[in-house]
Amino acid sequence: MTLTIYGDSISGNCLKVKWTADRLGLAYEWVEVNVVAGATRTPEFRALNPAAQVPTMVLPDGRTLAQSNAIIVHLAEGSSLIPTDSYWRAKMFEWLFWEQYSHEPYIAVRRYQIRYLHKPETDLDPRLMQGGEAALARMQAWLAASPFLVNGALTLADICLVAYTRVAHEGGFDLTQYPAVRDWVKRVDGELGLDPL
């Protein structure tokens, strides 16, 4: 068996797994799973992940792993994407935890509702914009003084947070208001070999 990643290419959570694997030069099979069409809710997919979520990874020995940040940590163990210094490693995890609690629930959710559910602005919870702007402001303050999120070098924190930040405009967020964040996106895109948006 080879490493298999089940993901939806519209999902930043899935793409961060793909980009980490690509950066590390890992061989894997990508299985496209259309979340909008309900492909994660089939009995076959629930047998892989009872939570019915992507990304889901199947290891060569058949074991499964879910949750994007858990997957990228597993993939990157022993690589330069995870700092060896205990403090900087913890700072990396700080950003990973913060992304899932204070960034993704606002920026990713607003983007999904606008772009894929086609909801009008009037139907959106205003707290999504407030939370997303607060997240971008925090990143702006940090990145104004540092080229990357952790100790001046590319880590999983950058891969994790760039996934939805680079498409924040699709959720109505104006990155021109956050120049350090915009410059950081370009830097991380370059490191990962991504086409600029």
N, C-alpha and C. Protein backbone atom coordinates (compact mmCIF):
# COMPACT_ATOMS: atom_id res chain seq x y z
N MET A 1 0.84 -1.20 0.00
CA MET A 1 0.00 0.00 0.00
C MET A 1 0.87 1.25 0.00
N THR A 2 0.31 2.32 -0.54
CA THR A 2 0.97 3.62 -0.49
C THR A 2 0.18 4.53 0.45
N LEU A 3 0.76 5.65 0.75
CA LEU A 3 0.07 6.68 1.52
C LEU A 3 -1.09 7.21 0.68
N THR A 4 -2.28 7.28 1.27
CA THR A 4 -3.46 7.76 0.55
C THR A 4 -4.07 8.92 1.31
N ILE A 5 -4.32 10.01 0.60
CA ILE A 5 -4.92 11.20 1.20
C ILE A 5 -6.27 11.44 0.53
N TYR A 6 -7.31 11.42 1.32
CA TYR A 6 -8.65 11.74 0.86
C TYR A 6 -8.90 13.22 1.16
N GLY A 7 -9.19 13.99 0.12
CA GLY A 7 -9.38 15.41 0.34
C GLY A 7 -10.21 16.06 -0.74
N ASP A 8 -10.71 17.23 -0.44
CA ASP A 8 -11.46 18.05 -1.38
C ASP A 8 -10.59 19.25 -1.72
N SER A 9 -10.31 19.46 -2.98
CA SER A 9 -9.39 20.51 -3.40
C SER A 9 -9.89 21.92 -3.15
N ILE A 10 -11.17 22.09 -2.78
CA ILE A 10 -11.64 23.42 -2.43
C ILE A 10 -11.35 23.74 -0.96
N SER A 11 -10.89 22.75 -0.22
CA SER A 11 -10.70 22.90 1.23
C SER A 11 -9.26 23.23 1.57
N GLY A 12 -9.06 24.35 2.27
CA GLY A 12 -7.73 24.69 2.75
C GLY A 12 -7.20 23.65 3.71
N ASN A 13 -8.07 23.06 4.51
CA ASN A 13 -7.63 22.03 5.44
C ASN A 13 -7.05 20.83 4.70
N CYS A 14 -7.62 20.49 3.55
CA CYS A 14 -7.10 19.39 2.75
C CYS A 14 -5.83 19.81 2.02
N LEU A 15 -5.82 21.02 1.48
CA LEU A 15 -4.66 21.47 0.73
C LEU A 15 -3.42 21.58 1.60
N LYS A 16 -3.58 21.94 2.86
CA LYS A 16 -2.38 22.03 3.72
C LYS A 16 -1.71 20.66 3.86
N VAL A 17 -2.50 19.60 3.83
CA VAL A 17 -1.93 18.25 3.89
C VAL A 17 -1.20 17.95 2.58
N LYS A 18 -1.82 18.28 1.46
CA LYS A 18 -1.19 18.06 0.15
C LYS A 18 0.11 18.84 0.05
N TRP A 19 0.09 20.11 0.44
CA TRP A 19 1.27 20.96 0.32
C TRP A 19 2.40 20.46 1.22
N THR A 20 2.06 19.97 2.41
CA THR A 20 3.08 19.44 3.31
C THR A 20 3.71 18.20 2.70
N ALA A 21 2.89 17.30 2.19
CA ALA A 21 3.42 16.09 1.56
C ALA A 21 4.29 16.44 0.36
N ASP A 22 3.84 17.40 -0.44
CA ASP A 22 4.62 17.81 -1.61
C ASP A 22 5.95 18.43 -1.19
N ARG A 23 5.92 19.31 -0.20
CA ARG A 23 7.14 19.96 0.28
C ARG A 23 8.16 18.92 0.77
N LEU A 24 7.66 17.87 1.38
CA LEU A 24 8.53 16.83 1.92
C LEU A 24 8.92 15.78 0.88
N GLY A 25 8.36 15.89 -0.31
CA GLY A 25 8.69 14.94 -1.37
C GLY A 25 8.13 13.55 -1.14
N LEU A 26 7.00 13.48 -0.44
CA LEU A 26 6.40 12.18 -0.14
C LEU A 26 5.56 11.68 -1.31
N ALA A 27 5.61 10.39 -1.54
CA ALA A 27 4.75 9.77 -2.56
C ALA A 27 3.40 9.45 -1.92
N TYR A 28 2.33 9.81 -2.60
CA TYR A 28 0.99 9.55 -2.07
C TYR A 28 -0.01 9.49 -3.21
N GLU A 29 -1.14 8.89 -2.92
CA GLU A 29 -2.28 8.91 -3.84
C GLU A 29 -3.30 9.89 -3.29
N TRP A 30 -3.71 10.83 -4.12
CA TRP A 30 -4.74 11.80 -3.73
C TRP A 30 -6.08 11.30 -4.24
N VAL A 31 -7.05 11.17 -3.35
CA VAL A 31 -8.39 10.76 -3.73
C VAL A 31 -9.32 11.95 -3.51
N GLU A 32 -9.84 12.48 -4.60
CA GLU A 32 -10.71 13.66 -4.52
C GLU A 32 -12.08 13.25 -3.95
N VAL A 33 -12.52 13.99 -2.94
CA VAL A 33 -13.79 13.72 -2.26
C VAL A 33 -14.61 15.01 -2.28
N ASN A 34 -15.73 14.99 -2.97
CA ASN A 34 -16.56 16.19 -3.12
C ASN A 34 -17.46 16.36 -1.90
N VAL A 35 -17.05 17.26 -1.02
CA VAL A 35 -17.80 17.49 0.22
C VAL A 35 -19.17 18.10 -0.08
N VAL A 36 -19.21 19.06 -0.99
CA VAL A 36 -20.48 19.73 -1.30
C VAL A 36 -21.51 18.74 -1.80
N ALA A 37 -21.07 17.72 -2.53
CA ALA A 37 -21.99 16.70 -3.06
C ALA A 37 -22.31 15.61 -2.03
N GLY A 38 -21.73 15.71 -0.83
CA GLY A 38 -22.06 14.75 0.22
C GLY A 38 -21.22 13.48 0.22
N ALA A 39 -20.07 13.50 -0.46
CA ALA A 39 -19.28 12.27 -0.60
C ALA A 39 -18.68 11.78 0.72
N THR A 40 -18.60 12.64 1.72
CA THR A 40 -18.05 12.18 3.01
C THR A 40 -19.11 11.48 3.86
N ARG A 41 -20.35 11.53 3.43
CA ARG A 41 -21.43 10.97 4.25
C ARG A 41 -21.85 9.57 3.81
N THR A 42 -21.11 8.99 2.88
CA THR A 42 -21.42 7.63 2.44
C THR A 42 -20.95 6.61 3.48
N PRO A 43 -21.56 5.44 3.52
CA PRO A 43 -21.10 4.40 4.45
C PRO A 43 -19.64 4.03 4.22
N GLU A 44 -19.22 4.04 2.95
CA GLU A 44 -17.84 3.67 2.63
C GLU A 44 -16.86 4.68 3.23
N PHE A 45 -17.19 5.97 3.11
CA PHE A 45 -16.27 6.96 3.66
C PHE A 45 -16.32 6.96 5.19
N ARG A 46 -17.50 6.80 5.75
CA ARG A 46 -17.61 6.77 7.21
C ARG A 46 -16.86 5.59 7.82
N ALA A 47 -16.65 4.54 7.03
CA ALA A 47 -15.84 3.42 7.52
C ALA A 47 -14.38 3.84 7.70
N LEU A 48 -13.94 4.81 6.89
CA LEU A 48 -12.59 5.35 7.04
C LEU A 48 -12.53 6.39 8.15
N ASN A 49 -13.54 7.25 8.20
CA ASN A 49 -13.58 8.33 9.17
C ASN A 49 -15.01 8.52 9.65
N PRO A 50 -15.34 7.99 10.82
CA PRO A 50 -16.71 8.09 11.33
C PRO A 50 -17.20 9.53 11.51
N ALA A 51 -16.25 10.48 11.60
CA ALA A 51 -16.65 11.89 11.71
C ALA A 51 -17.07 12.46 10.37
N ALA A 52 -16.88 11.70 9.29
CA ALA A 52 -17.30 12.11 7.94
C ALA A 52 -16.67 13.42 7.51
N GLN A 53 -15.36 13.52 7.72
CA GLN A 53 -14.65 14.75 7.39
C GLN A 53 -13.41 14.44 6.56
N VAL A 54 -13.05 15.40 5.73
CA VAL A 54 -11.75 15.39 5.06
C VAL A 54 -10.95 16.56 5.63
N PRO A 55 -9.62 16.44 5.61
CA PRO A 55 -8.85 15.33 5.07
C PRO A 55 -8.86 14.10 5.97
N THR A 56 -8.68 12.96 5.34
CA THR A 56 -8.45 11.69 6.03
C THR A 56 -7.28 11.02 5.32
N MET A 57 -6.35 10.52 6.10
CA MET A 57 -5.18 9.87 5.52
C MET A 57 -5.15 8.40 5.93
N VAL A 58 -4.82 7.56 4.98
CA VAL A 58 -4.64 6.14 5.25
C VAL A 58 -3.16 5.84 5.07
N LEU A 59 -2.53 5.36 6.13
CA LEU A 59 -1.11 5.04 6.11
C LEU A 59 -0.88 3.74 5.35
N PRO A 60 0.34 3.50 4.90
CA PRO A 60 0.63 2.27 4.15
C PRO A 60 0.25 0.99 4.90
N ASP A 61 0.24 1.04 6.24
CA ASP A 61 -0.13 -0.15 7.00
C ASP A 61 -1.63 -0.25 7.26
N GLY A 62 -2.42 0.68 6.68
CA GLY A 62 -3.87 0.64 6.81
C GLY A 62 -4.46 1.47 7.92
N ARG A 63 -3.62 1.99 8.83
CA ARG A 63 -4.15 2.85 9.88
C ARG A 63 -4.60 4.18 9.29
N THR A 64 -5.61 4.80 9.91
CA THR A 64 -6.12 6.08 9.42
C THR A 64 -5.80 7.19 10.41
N LEU A 65 -5.77 8.39 9.86
CA LEU A 65 -5.54 9.58 10.68
C LEU A 65 -6.36 10.71 10.09
N ALA A 66 -7.02 11.47 10.96
CA ALA A 66 -7.85 12.59 10.52
C ALA A 66 -7.39 13.86 11.23
N GLN A 67 -8.04 14.95 10.89
CA GLN A 67 -7.75 16.30 11.37
C GLN A 67 -6.46 16.81 10.73
N SER A 68 -6.61 17.87 9.94
CA SER A 68 -5.52 18.36 9.10
C SER A 68 -4.23 18.63 9.86
N ASN A 69 -4.33 19.29 11.00
CA ASN A 69 -3.10 19.65 11.71
C ASN A 69 -2.43 18.43 12.33
N ALA A 70 -3.21 17.45 12.75
CA ALA A 70 -2.61 16.20 13.24
C ALA A 70 -1.89 15.48 12.10
N ILE A 71 -2.50 15.49 10.93
CA ILE A 71 -1.90 14.81 9.77
C ILE A 71 -0.58 15.47 9.39
N ILE A 72 -0.56 16.81 9.30
CA ILE A 72 0.67 17.45 8.84
C ILE A 72 1.79 17.29 9.86
N VAL A 73 1.46 17.26 11.15
CA VAL A 73 2.48 17.01 12.16
C VAL A 73 3.05 15.60 11.99
N HIS A 74 2.18 14.63 11.76
CA HIS A 74 2.64 13.25 11.56
C HIS A 74 3.57 13.17 10.34
N LEU A 75 3.17 13.81 9.25
CA LEU A 75 3.96 13.75 8.02
C LEU A 75 5.33 14.41 8.19
N ALA A 76 5.36 15.51 8.94
CA ALA A 76 6.57 16.34 9.01
C ALA A 76 7.51 16.00 10.14
N GLU A 77 7.18 15.02 10.97
CA GLU A 77 8.09 14.67 12.09
C GLU A 77 9.50 14.44 11.57
N GLY A 78 10.46 15.08 12.24
CA GLY A 78 11.86 14.92 11.88
C GLY A 78 12.33 15.81 10.74
N SER A 79 11.44 16.64 10.19
CA SER A 79 11.82 17.52 9.09
C SER A 79 12.03 18.94 9.60
N SER A 80 12.53 19.81 8.71
CA SER A 80 12.76 21.21 9.08
C SER A 80 11.46 21.98 9.27
N LEU A 81 10.33 21.40 8.90
CA LEU A 81 9.04 22.08 9.08
C LEU A 81 8.59 22.10 10.53
N ILE A 82 9.24 21.32 11.38
CA ILE A 82 8.96 21.32 12.82
C ILE A 82 10.24 21.69 13.56
N PRO A 83 10.25 22.80 14.28
CA PRO A 83 11.47 23.21 14.98
C PRO A 83 11.94 22.15 15.98
N THR A 84 13.24 22.02 16.11
CA THR A 84 13.79 21.09 17.08
C THR A 84 13.85 21.70 18.48
N ASP A 85 14.03 23.03 18.55
CA ASP A 85 14.03 23.71 19.84
C ASP A 85 12.64 23.61 20.47
N SER A 86 12.58 23.24 21.74
CA SER A 86 11.29 22.97 22.38
C SER A 86 10.39 24.21 22.43
N TYR A 87 10.99 25.38 22.64
CA TYR A 87 10.17 26.60 22.69
C TYR A 87 9.57 26.90 21.33
N TRP A 88 10.40 26.88 20.28
CA TRP A 88 9.88 27.21 18.96
C TRP A 88 8.92 26.14 18.44
N ARG A 89 9.16 24.91 18.85
CA ARG A 89 8.20 23.85 18.51
C ARG A 89 6.85 24.16 19.15
N ALA A 90 6.88 24.57 20.41
CA ALA A 90 5.63 24.93 21.11
C ALA A 90 4.97 26.14 20.45
N LYS A 91 5.77 27.12 20.00
CA LYS A 91 5.19 28.28 19.31
C LYS A 91 4.51 27.85 18.01
N MET A 92 5.11 26.87 17.33
CA MET A 92 4.48 26.34 16.12
C MET A 92 3.11 25.76 16.47
N PHE A 93 3.06 24.97 17.54
CA PHE A 93 1.78 24.38 17.95
C PHE A 93 0.80 25.47 18.39
N GLU A 94 1.30 26.51 19.01
CA GLU A 94 0.43 27.63 19.40
C GLU A 94 -0.32 28.16 18.18
N TRP A 95 0.40 28.37 17.09
CA TRP A 95 -0.24 28.86 15.87
C TRP A 95 -1.19 27.82 15.28
N LEU A 96 -0.82 26.54 15.32
CA LEU A 96 -1.71 25.49 14.79
C LEU A 96 -3.02 25.43 15.56
N PHE A 97 -2.93 25.51 16.89
CA PHE A 97 -4.15 25.49 17.70
C PHE A 97 -4.98 26.75 17.46
N TRP A 98 -4.30 27.88 17.39
CA TRP A 98 -4.98 29.17 17.17
C TRP A 98 -5.70 29.17 15.83
N GLU A 99 -5.07 28.59 14.80
CA GLU A 99 -5.68 28.57 13.47
C GLU A 99 -7.03 27.87 13.50
N GLN A 100 -7.12 26.75 14.19
CA GLN A 100 -8.38 26.00 14.21
C GLN A 100 -9.44 26.63 15.10
N TYR A 101 -9.02 27.46 16.04
CA TYR A 101 -9.97 28.04 16.99
C TYR A 101 -10.34 29.49 16.65
N SER A 102 -9.38 30.27 16.13
CA SER A 102 -9.58 31.71 15.98
C SER A 102 -9.45 32.23 14.55
N HIS A 103 -9.11 31.39 13.60
CA HIS A 103 -8.91 31.81 12.22
C HIS A 103 -9.86 31.07 11.28
N GLU A 104 -9.70 29.77 11.20
CA GLU A 104 -10.51 28.94 10.30
C GLU A 104 -12.02 29.07 10.53
N PRO A 105 -12.50 29.13 11.78
CA PRO A 105 -13.96 29.22 11.98
C PRO A 105 -14.59 30.50 11.44
N TYR A 106 -13.78 31.49 11.16
CA TYR A 106 -14.30 32.75 10.63
C TYR A 106 -14.00 32.90 9.14
N ILE A 107 -12.72 32.86 8.79
CA ILE A 107 -12.34 33.10 7.40
C ILE A 107 -12.80 31.97 6.49
N ALA A 108 -12.54 30.74 6.88
CA ALA A 108 -12.94 29.60 6.04
C ALA A 108 -14.45 29.47 5.94
N VAL A 109 -15.13 29.66 7.05
CA VAL A 109 -16.59 29.50 7.06
C VAL A 109 -17.26 30.59 6.22
N ARG A 110 -16.79 31.84 6.34
CA ARG A 110 -17.37 32.92 5.54
C ARG A 110 -17.11 32.68 4.05
N ARG A 111 -15.91 32.25 3.72
CA ARG A 111 -15.58 31.94 2.32
C ARG A 111 -16.49 30.84 1.78
N TYR A 112 -16.66 29.78 2.55
CA TYR A 112 -17.48 28.66 2.11
C TYR A 112 -18.93 29.09 1.88
N GLN A 113 -19.46 29.89 2.78
CA GLN A 113 -20.85 30.32 2.66
C GLN A 113 -21.06 31.22 1.45
N ILE A 114 -20.08 32.08 1.16
CA ILE A 114 -20.22 32.98 0.01
C ILE A 114 -19.95 32.25 -1.30
N ARG A 115 -18.82 31.56 -1.36
CA ARG A 115 -18.37 30.99 -2.65
C ARG A 115 -19.09 29.71 -3.02
N TYR A 116 -19.37 28.86 -2.04
CA TYR A 116 -19.90 27.54 -2.37
C TYR A 116 -21.38 27.35 -2.02
N LEU A 117 -21.86 28.07 -1.03
CA LEU A 117 -23.29 28.02 -0.72
C LEU A 117 -24.04 29.20 -1.33
N HIS A 118 -23.29 30.16 -1.89
CA HIS A 118 -23.85 31.33 -2.59
C HIS A 118 -24.82 32.13 -1.72
N LYS A 119 -24.48 32.26 -0.46
CA LYS A 119 -25.32 33.05 0.43
C LYS A 119 -25.07 34.55 0.21
N PRO A 120 -26.11 35.36 0.25
CA PRO A 120 -25.90 36.81 0.16
C PRO A 120 -25.33 37.35 1.48
N GLU A 121 -24.65 38.47 1.37
CA GLU A 121 -24.04 39.10 2.56
C GLU A 121 -25.06 39.29 3.69
N THR A 122 -26.27 39.61 3.32
CA THR A 122 -27.30 39.88 4.34
C THR A 122 -27.64 38.66 5.18
N ASP A 123 -27.33 37.47 4.67
CA ASP A 123 -27.64 36.24 5.41
C ASP A 123 -26.47 35.75 6.27
N LEU A 124 -25.34 36.43 6.19
CA LEU A 124 -24.15 35.98 6.92
C LEU A 124 -24.12 36.55 8.33
N ASP A 125 -23.65 35.75 9.24
CA ASP A 125 -23.47 36.20 10.62
C ASP A 125 -22.36 37.25 10.64
N PRO A 126 -22.65 38.46 11.11
CA PRO A 126 -21.62 39.51 11.12
C PRO A 126 -20.41 39.16 11.97
N ARG A 127 -20.56 38.22 12.88
CA ARG A 127 -19.42 37.82 13.71
C ARG A 127 -18.34 37.11 12.90
N LEU A 128 -18.71 36.56 11.74
CA LEU A 128 -17.71 35.93 10.89
C LEU A 128 -16.72 36.96 10.36
N MET A 129 -17.21 38.12 9.92
CA MET A 129 -16.32 39.18 9.46
C MET A 129 -15.51 39.74 10.62
N GLN A 130 -16.14 39.95 11.74
CA GLN A 130 -15.42 40.49 12.91
C GLN A 130 -14.30 39.55 13.36
N GLY A 131 -14.61 38.28 13.45
CA GLY A 131 -13.60 37.31 13.87
C GLY A 131 -12.48 37.17 12.86
N GLY A 132 -12.82 37.18 11.57
CA GLY A 132 -11.80 37.08 10.53
C GLY A 132 -10.89 38.29 10.52
N GLU A 133 -11.46 39.46 10.68
CA GLU A 133 -10.64 40.68 10.71
C GLU A 133 -9.74 40.69 11.95
N ALA A 134 -10.23 40.20 13.06
CA ALA A 134 -9.40 40.12 14.27
C ALA A 134 -8.23 39.15 14.05
N ALA A 135 -8.49 38.04 13.38
CA ALA A 135 -7.43 37.07 13.10
C ALA A 135 -6.38 37.67 12.17
N LEU A 136 -6.81 38.35 11.12
CA LEU A 136 -5.88 38.96 10.19
C LEU A 136 -5.08 40.08 10.86
N ALA A 137 -5.72 40.81 11.75
CA ALA A 137 -5.01 41.88 12.47
C ALA A 137 -3.93 41.30 13.37
N ARG A 138 -4.21 40.19 14.01
CA ARG A 138 -3.19 39.56 14.85
C ARG A 138 -2.01 39.09 14.00
N MET A 139 -2.30 38.49 12.85
CA MET A 139 -1.23 38.05 11.96
C MET A 139 -0.44 39.24 11.42
N GLN A 140 -1.14 40.32 11.09
CA GLN A 140 -0.47 41.53 10.60
C GLN A 140 0.53 42.04 11.63
N ALA A 141 0.12 42.11 12.87
CA ALA A 141 1.00 42.62 13.92
C ALA A 141 2.25 41.75 14.08
N TRP A 142 2.07 40.44 14.00
CA TRP A 142 3.19 39.52 14.16
C TRP A 142 4.12 39.54 12.95
N LEU A 143 3.52 39.49 11.76
CA LEU A 143 4.31 39.38 10.54
C LEU A 143 4.96 40.69 10.12
N ALA A 144 4.54 41.79 10.71
CA ALA A 144 5.21 43.06 10.44
C ALA A 144 6.65 43.03 10.93
N ALA A 145 6.94 42.12 11.88
CA ALA A 145 8.27 42.04 12.47
C ALA A 145 9.00 40.74 12.14
N SER A 146 8.37 39.84 11.38
CA SER A 146 8.99 38.54 11.11
C SER A 146 8.56 38.03 9.74
N PRO A 147 9.48 37.46 8.95
CA PRO A 147 9.09 36.98 7.62
C PRO A 147 8.21 35.73 7.64
N PHE A 148 8.31 34.96 8.71
CA PHE A 148 7.49 33.76 8.88
C PHE A 148 6.93 33.75 10.30
N LEU A 149 6.07 32.81 10.60
CA LEU A 149 5.38 32.83 11.89
C LEU A 149 6.24 32.34 13.05
N VAL A 150 7.22 31.47 12.77
CA VAL A 150 8.00 30.87 13.86
C VAL A 150 9.49 30.99 13.57
N ASN A 151 10.16 31.79 14.35
CA ASN A 151 11.62 31.86 14.36
C ASN A 151 12.22 32.15 13.00
N GLY A 152 11.52 32.92 12.17
CA GLY A 152 12.08 33.38 10.91
C GLY A 152 12.25 32.35 9.82
N ALA A 153 11.62 31.18 9.97
CA ALA A 153 11.77 30.12 8.96
C ALA A 153 10.42 29.47 8.67
N LEU A 154 10.29 28.90 7.49
CA LEU A 154 9.06 28.21 7.12
C LEU A 154 8.84 26.99 8.01
N THR A 155 7.65 26.91 8.60
CA THR A 155 7.26 25.76 9.42
C THR A 155 5.83 25.37 9.07
N LEU A 156 5.36 24.35 9.75
CA LEU A 156 3.96 23.94 9.57
C LEU A 156 2.99 25.07 9.92
N ALA A 157 3.39 25.97 10.78
CA ALA A 157 2.51 27.09 11.14
C ALA A 157 2.18 27.90 9.89
N ASP A 158 3.17 28.15 9.05
CA ASP A 158 2.93 28.92 7.83
C ASP A 158 2.06 28.16 6.84
N ILE A 159 2.34 26.87 6.66
CA ILE A 159 1.54 26.06 5.74
C ILE A 159 0.09 25.99 6.22
N CYS A 160 -0.06 25.81 7.51
CA CYS A 160 -1.38 25.72 8.11
C CYS A 160 -2.19 27.00 7.88
N LEU A 161 -1.57 28.13 8.17
CA LEU A 161 -2.32 29.39 8.13
C LEU A 161 -2.43 30.00 6.75
N VAL A 162 -1.53 29.66 5.84
CA VAL A 162 -1.65 30.24 4.51
C VAL A 162 -2.82 29.64 3.74
N ALA A 163 -3.24 28.45 4.11
CA ALA A 163 -4.26 27.73 3.34
C ALA A 163 -5.53 28.56 3.15
N TYR A 164 -6.06 29.11 4.22
CA TYR A 164 -7.26 29.93 4.08
C TYR A 164 -6.97 31.41 3.97
N THR A 165 -5.81 31.85 4.45
CA THR A 165 -5.48 33.28 4.34
C THR A 165 -5.32 33.68 2.88
N ARG A 166 -4.71 32.83 2.07
CA ARG A 166 -4.46 33.19 0.67
C ARG A 166 -5.76 33.32 -0.13
N VAL A 167 -6.84 32.73 0.35
CA VAL A 167 -8.13 32.85 -0.34
C VAL A 167 -9.15 33.64 0.50
N ALA A 168 -8.66 34.41 1.46
CA ALA A 168 -9.56 35.17 2.33
C ALA A 168 -10.42 36.14 1.53
N HIS A 169 -9.89 36.65 0.41
CA HIS A 169 -10.66 37.58 -0.42
C HIS A 169 -11.95 36.94 -0.94
N GLU A 170 -11.95 35.60 -1.08
CA GLU A 170 -13.16 34.92 -1.53
C GLU A 170 -14.25 34.94 -0.47
N GLY A 171 -13.89 35.29 0.74
CA GLY A 171 -14.86 35.46 1.81
C GLY A 171 -15.15 36.91 2.12
N GLY A 172 -14.64 37.80 1.25
CA GLY A 172 -14.91 39.22 1.43
C GLY A 172 -13.89 39.97 2.26
N PHE A 173 -12.77 39.34 2.59
CA PHE A 173 -11.74 40.01 3.38
C PHE A 173 -10.75 40.69 2.43
N ASP A 174 -10.37 41.91 2.77
CA ASP A 174 -9.49 42.72 1.93
C ASP A 174 -8.06 42.66 2.46
N LEU A 175 -7.23 41.85 1.84
CA LEU A 175 -5.85 41.70 2.32
C LEU A 175 -4.99 42.92 2.06
N THR A 176 -5.45 43.86 1.23
CA THR A 176 -4.66 45.09 1.06
C THR A 176 -4.62 45.88 2.37
N GLN A 177 -5.54 45.60 3.27
CA GLN A 177 -5.54 46.26 4.58
C GLN A 177 -4.51 45.63 5.52
N TYR A 178 -3.90 44.53 5.10
CA TYR A 178 -2.94 43.79 5.93
C TYR A 178 -1.68 43.52 5.09
N PRO A 179 -0.88 44.55 4.82
CA PRO A 179 0.24 44.39 3.88
C PRO A 179 1.27 43.36 4.29
N ALA A 180 1.55 43.24 5.57
CA ALA A 180 2.53 42.24 6.01
C ALA A 180 1.99 40.82 5.79
N VAL A 181 0.69 40.65 5.97
CA VAL A 181 0.07 39.35 5.71
C VAL A 181 0.11 39.04 4.22
N ARG A 182 -0.19 40.02 3.41
CA ARG A 182 -0.18 39.82 1.96
C ARG A 182 1.23 39.46 1.47
N ASP A 183 2.25 40.14 2.00
CA ASP A 183 3.63 39.83 1.62
C ASP A 183 4.03 38.44 2.08
N TRP A 184 3.58 38.07 3.28
CA TRP A 184 3.86 36.73 3.81
C TRP A 184 3.21 35.65 2.94
N VAL A 185 1.99 35.87 2.49
CA VAL A 185 1.32 34.91 1.60
C VAL A 185 2.17 34.69 0.36
N LYS A 186 2.67 35.77 -0.23
CA LYS A 186 3.51 35.64 -1.42
C LYS A 186 4.78 34.85 -1.11
N ARG A 187 5.36 35.10 0.06
CA ARG A 187 6.58 34.40 0.46
C ARG A 187 6.33 32.91 0.62
N VAL A 188 5.25 32.57 1.32
CA VAL A 188 4.93 31.16 1.56
C VAL A 188 4.54 30.48 0.25
N ASP A 189 3.76 31.16 -0.57
CA ASP A 189 3.41 30.62 -1.89
C ASP A 189 4.68 30.27 -2.67
N GLY A 190 5.67 31.17 -2.62
CA GLY A 190 6.93 30.93 -3.31
C GLY A 190 7.67 29.72 -2.75
N GLU A 191 7.70 29.61 -1.43
CA GLU A 191 8.36 28.46 -0.80
C GLU A 191 7.70 27.14 -1.19
N LEU A 192 6.39 27.17 -1.34
CA LEU A 192 5.64 25.95 -1.64
C LEU A 192 5.46 25.71 -3.13
N GLY A 193 5.91 26.67 -3.94
CA GLY A 193 5.77 26.52 -5.39
C GLY A 193 4.34 26.65 -5.87
N LEU A 194 3.55 27.46 -5.17
CA LEU A 194 2.14 27.64 -5.54
C LEU A 194 2.00 28.79 -6.53
N ASP A 195 1.08 28.67 -7.44
CA ASP A 195 0.79 29.77 -8.35
C ASP A 195 0.12 30.88 -7.57
N PRO A 196 0.57 32.14 -7.76
CA PRO A 196 -0.07 33.23 -7.04
C PRO A 196 -1.52 33.41 -7.46
N LEU A 197 -2.35 33.82 -6.53
CA LEU A 197 -3.77 34.02 -6.84
C LEU A 197 -3.99 35.43 -7.36
